Structures are given as structure tokens and as C-alpha cells.
C-alpha atoms as a PDB file:
ATOM      1  CA  UNK A   1    -122.407  12.092-100.942  1.00  0.00           C
ATOM      2  CA  UNK A   2    -120.648  15.056-102.354  1.00  0.00           C
ATOM      3  CA  UNK A   3    -123.060  17.749-104.216  1.00  0.00           C
ATOM      4  CA  UNK A   4    -122.591  17.586-107.863  1.00  0.00           C
ATOM      5  CA  UNK A   5    -120.630  20.605-109.753  1.00  0.00           C
ATOM      6  CA  UNK A   6    -123.234  23.113-111.212  1.00  0.00           C
ATOM      7  CA  UNK A   7    -123.186  23.305-115.081  1.00  0.00           C
ATOM      8  CA  UNK A   8    -123.988  26.740-116.469  1.00  0.00           C
ATOM      9  CA  UNK A   9    -125.739  26.194-119.827  1.00  0.00           C
ATOM     10  CA  UNK A  10    -124.424  27.545-122.880  1.00  0.00           C
ATOM     11  CA  UNK A  11    -125.985  29.828-125.625  1.00  0.00           C
ATOM     12  CA  UNK A  12    -127.034  27.843-128.520  1.00  0.00           C
ATOM     13  CA  UNK A  13    -125.187  28.755-131.629  1.00  0.00           C
ATOM     14  CA  UNK A  14    -126.812  29.968-134.786  1.00  0.00           C
ATOM     15  CA  UNK A  15    -126.400  26.726-136.300  1.00  0.00           C
ATOM     16  CA  UNK A  16    -127.954  24.992-133.555  1.00  0.00           C
ATOM     17  CA  UNK A  17    -130.925  27.159-133.726  1.00  0.00           C
ATOM     18  CA  UNK A  18    -131.083  27.070-136.842  1.00  0.00           C
ATOM     19  CA  UNK A  19    -131.130  22.958-137.304  1.00  0.00           C
ATOM     20  CA  UNK A  20    -134.024  23.192-134.473  1.00  0.00           C
ATOM     21  CA  UNK A  21    -136.754  25.199-137.056  1.00  0.00           C
ATOM     22  CA  UNK A  22    -139.018  22.934-139.119  1.00  0.00           C
ATOM     23  CA  UNK A  23    -137.314  22.779-142.828  1.00  0.00           C
ATOM     24  CA  UNK A  24    -139.579  23.529-145.703  1.00  0.00           C
ATOM     25  CA  UNK A  25    -138.385  20.756-148.299  1.00  0.00           C
ATOM     26  CA  UNK A  26    -140.609  21.556-151.903  1.00  0.00           C
ATOM     27  CA  UNK A  27    -140.749  19.169-154.751  1.00  0.00           C
ATOM     28  CA  UNK A  28    -142.258  19.460-157.973  1.00  0.00           C
ATOM     29  CA  UNK A  29    -145.602  17.789-159.620  1.00  0.00           C
ATOM     30  CA  UNK A  30    -147.862  17.689-162.155  1.00  0.00           C
ATOM     31  CA  UNK A  31    -151.396  17.834-161.187  1.00  0.00           C
ATOM     32  CA  UNK A  32    -153.120  14.800-162.614  1.00  0.00           C
ATOM     33  CA  UNK A  33    -156.441  14.623-161.533  1.00  0.00           C
ATOM     34  CA  UNK A  34    -158.923  15.493-158.586  1.00  0.00           C
ATOM     35  CA  UNK A  35    -159.966  13.363-155.731  1.00  0.00           C
ATOM     36  CA  UNK A  36    -163.420  13.612-154.126  1.00  0.00           C
ATOM     37  CA  UNK A  37    -163.987  12.823-150.595  1.00  0.00           C
ATOM     38  CA  UNK A  38    -167.469  13.300-149.398  1.00  0.00           C
ATOM     39  CA  UNK A  39    -166.979  12.193-145.728  1.00  0.00           C
ATOM     40  CA  UNK A  40    -163.879  13.204-144.806  1.00  0.00           C
ATOM     41  CA  UNK A  41    -162.707  14.813-140.970  1.00  0.00           C
ATOM     42  CA  UNK A  42    -164.130  18.104-140.094  1.00  0.00           C
ATOM     43  CA  UNK A  43    -160.997  20.316-140.401  1.00  0.00           C
ATOM     44  CA  UNK A  44    -160.644  18.997-144.196  1.00  0.00           C
ATOM     45  CA  UNK A  45    -164.349  20.545-145.167  1.00  0.00           C
ATOM     46  CA  UNK A  46    -163.612  22.498-148.230  1.00  0.00           C
ATOM     47  CA  UNK A  47    -160.048  21.924-149.211  1.00  0.00           C
ATOM     48  CA  UNK A  48    -159.909  21.066-152.727  1.00  0.00           C
ATOM     49  CA  UNK A  49    -157.555  17.677-152.935  1.00  0.00           C
ATOM     50  CA  UNK A  50    -155.538  16.699-156.245  1.00  0.00           C
ATOM     51  CA  UNK A  51    -154.104  14.201-157.364  1.00  0.00           C
ATOM     52  CA  UNK A  52    -149.999  14.689-158.327  1.00  0.00           C
ATOM     53  CA  UNK A  53    -147.434  12.994-160.225  1.00  0.00           C
ATOM     54  CA  UNK A  54    -143.874  13.883-158.927  1.00  0.00           C
ATOM     55  CA  UNK A  55    -141.595  15.144-162.005  1.00  0.00           C
ATOM     56  CA  UNK A  56    -137.331  14.218-161.101  1.00  0.00           C
ATOM     57  CA  UNK A  57    -134.846  15.885-163.425  1.00  0.00           C
ATOM     58  CA  UNK A  58    -133.709  13.325-165.250  1.00  0.00           C
ATOM     59  CA  UNK A  59    -129.889  12.411-164.692  1.00  0.00           C
ATOM     60  CA  UNK A  60    -129.460  11.097-167.735  1.00  0.00           C
ATOM     61  CA  UNK A  61    -130.922  13.971-169.845  1.00  0.00           C
ATOM     62  CA  UNK A  62    -131.285  16.685-167.612  1.00  0.00           C
ATOM     63  CA  UNK A  63    -132.757  18.955-169.668  1.00  0.00           C
ATOM     64  CA  UNK A  64    -135.890  17.134-169.160  1.00  0.00           C
ATOM     65  CA  UNK A  65    -138.354  15.566-166.494  1.00  0.00           C
ATOM     66  CA  UNK A  66    -139.798  12.094-165.734  1.00  0.00           C
ATOM     67  CA  UNK A  67    -141.977  11.512-163.641  1.00  0.00           C
ATOM     68  CA  UNK A  68    -141.544   9.639-160.383  1.00  0.00           C
ATOM     69  CA  UNK A  69    -143.763   6.770-159.922  1.00  0.00           C
ATOM     70  CA  UNK A  70    -145.835   7.164-157.165  1.00  0.00           C
ATOM     71  CA  UNK A  71    -148.795   9.569-156.691  1.00  0.00           C
ATOM     72  CA  UNK A  72    -149.287  11.860-153.931  1.00  0.00           C
ATOM     73  CA  UNK A  73    -153.204  13.234-152.495  1.00  0.00           C
ATOM     74  CA  UNK A  74    -152.255  16.721-151.517  1.00  0.00           C
ATOM     75  CA  UNK A  75    -154.774  19.577-150.721  1.00  0.00           C
ATOM     76  CA  UNK A  76    -154.618  22.571-153.314  1.00  0.00           C
ATOM     77  CA  UNK A  77    -154.086  26.087-151.696  1.00  0.00           C
ATOM     78  CA  UNK A  78    -153.115  28.120-154.684  1.00  0.00           C
ATOM     79  CA  UNK A  79    -156.190  26.635-156.965  1.00  0.00           C
ATOM     80  CA  UNK A  80    -154.134  24.717-159.374  1.00  0.00           C
ATOM     81  CA  UNK A  81    -155.127  22.855-162.603  1.00  0.00           C
ATOM     82  CA  UNK A  82    -154.893  19.681-164.291  1.00  0.00           C
ATOM     83  CA  UNK A  83    -151.488  19.246-166.355  1.00  0.00           C
ATOM     84  CA  UNK A  84    -150.315  22.415-164.046  1.00  0.00           C
ATOM     85  CA  UNK A  85    -146.874  22.128-162.925  1.00  0.00           C
ATOM     86  CA  UNK A  86    -146.686  22.916-159.058  1.00  0.00           C
ATOM     87  CA  UNK A  87    -144.360  22.966-156.147  1.00  0.00           C
ATOM     88  CA  UNK A  88    -145.687  21.062-153.164  1.00  0.00           C
ATOM     89  CA  UNK A  89    -144.168  20.229-149.635  1.00  0.00           C
ATOM     90  CA  UNK A  90    -144.735  17.056-147.311  1.00  0.00           C
ATOM     91  CA  UNK A  91    -144.617  16.270-143.820  1.00  0.00           C
ATOM     92  CA  UNK A  92    -144.484  18.838-140.864  1.00  0.00           C
ATOM     93  CA  UNK A  93    -143.468  21.094-143.788  1.00  0.00           C
ATOM     94  CA  UNK A  94    -146.981  21.149-145.045  1.00  0.00           C
ATOM     95  CA  UNK A  95    -148.319  22.119-141.729  1.00  0.00           C
ATOM     96  CA  UNK A  96    -146.055  25.357-142.323  1.00  0.00           C
ATOM     97  CA  UNK A  97    -148.426  26.430-145.005  1.00  0.00           C
ATOM     98  CA  UNK A  98    -150.940  28.986-143.712  1.00  0.00           C
ATOM     99  CA  UNK A  99    -154.106  27.276-142.625  1.00  0.00           C
ATOM    100  CA  UNK A 100    -152.707  23.868-142.142  1.00  0.00           C
ATOM    101  CA  UNK A 101    -151.277  23.949-138.566  1.00  0.00           C
ATOM    102  CA  UNK A 102    -153.742  21.840-137.191  1.00  0.00           C
ATOM    103  CA  UNK A 103    -154.971  20.004-140.404  1.00  0.00           C
ATOM    104  CA  UNK A 104    -154.126  16.207-140.543  1.00  0.00           C
ATOM    105  CA  UNK A 105    -152.152  16.766-144.084  1.00  0.00           C
ATOM    106  CA  UNK A 106    -148.825  15.374-145.433  1.00  0.00           C
ATOM    107  CA  UNK A 107    -148.869  16.987-148.755  1.00  0.00           C
ATOM    108  CA  UNK A 108    -149.925  21.102-149.574  1.00  0.00           C
ATOM    109  CA  UNK A 109    -149.452  22.340-153.157  1.00  0.00           C
ATOM    110  CA  UNK A 110    -147.756  25.536-152.119  1.00  0.00           C
ATOM    111  CA  UNK A 111    -147.493  27.521-155.828  1.00  0.00           C
ATOM    112  CA  UNK A 112    -147.641  27.383-159.559  1.00  0.00           C
ATOM    113  CA  UNK A 113    -144.723  26.804-161.400  1.00  0.00           C
ATOM    114  CA  UNK A 114    -143.775  29.668-164.693  1.00  0.00           C
ATOM    115  CA  UNK A 115    -140.674  28.416-165.177  1.00  0.00           C
ATOM    116  CA  UNK A 116    -138.032  26.309-164.957  1.00  0.00           C
ATOM    117  CA  UNK A 117    -134.050  26.664-165.730  1.00  0.00           C
ATOM    118  CA  UNK A 118    -132.082  23.764-164.765  1.00  0.00           C
ATOM    119  CA  UNK A 119    -127.868  24.257-165.867  1.00  0.00           C
ATOM    120  CA  UNK A 120    -128.892  27.598-167.606  1.00  0.00           C
ATOM    121  CA  UNK A 121    -131.214  25.624-169.843  1.00  0.00           C
ATOM    122  CA  UNK A 122    -135.032  26.353-169.709  1.00  0.00           C
ATOM    123  CA  UNK A 123    -136.631  22.988-169.140  1.00  0.00           C
ATOM    124  CA  UNK A 124    -139.873  24.466-168.302  1.00  0.00           C
ATOM    125  CA  UNK A 125    -142.136  27.121-169.161  1.00  0.00           C
ATOM    126  CA  UNK A 126    -145.896  27.549-168.538  1.00  0.00           C
ATOM    127  CA  UNK A 127    -146.551  29.684-171.823  1.00  0.00           C
ATOM    128  CA  UNK A 128    -145.746  27.050-173.850  1.00  0.00           C
END
């Protein structure tokens, strides 16, 4: 049996390295309420849970949001209140938020929105 030819490993390209990194995908939602669970996984103790309704830019009228059809339970890492518009991430991106690496979470609020501009027009302001 003849020996197989030796293959040299290639250096990964910048694009390949970027593709291998976890991507942080963010969404907008409105906080609709709170969720209380007195019995939960130990790593979730002390974490505030909230109920979110995703907000989508309306395709027919991009000057306004339309509510998503589903609701999501998320961990609130920033102290958001009911009615506020927030930024959240889901899936493996949620575990990239500080303090969530080993927590069994699928959605985390990572910011409270001050304003949103679409096509050069402000469609949301927290001050209004």
C-alpha cells in the first residue's frame, strides 16, 4: 500500500474566521408583563423574567410597528419596565450576554430603546 500524499493545512481566511464566530442577532420587542416562577433551575434564581411581544416594522407602512403574533419569555438584564421597547437576542446569542454563558436561557433583554429611525423618519421615541 502506497503512502498517502501529505496535505498541508491552509490558513483560514478572514471570512471563514468570521463565519465561525457566534453571530449576535438582535430583535425589538415591547415588554408586556412579568413572569414569576418560584421553582426554577438554580442558575435562574434572582433573574427577572418578563413577557415580550416582538415588534416588526410594517411592510405596508414602514412608519409604524406591527406586533408579532407570538410572545417570548426573556431574562431582563437591564431593568426594563412594562410598556418599554427593548432590544433582545435569542438562542446562542442570548448566552453571549454578560453572565449568561452557563445559564439555560433562550432570550435576554440587552437594551432599552431610546429611538428608532426607519427610512430617515423617526418611528419611535421613548420620550413621546
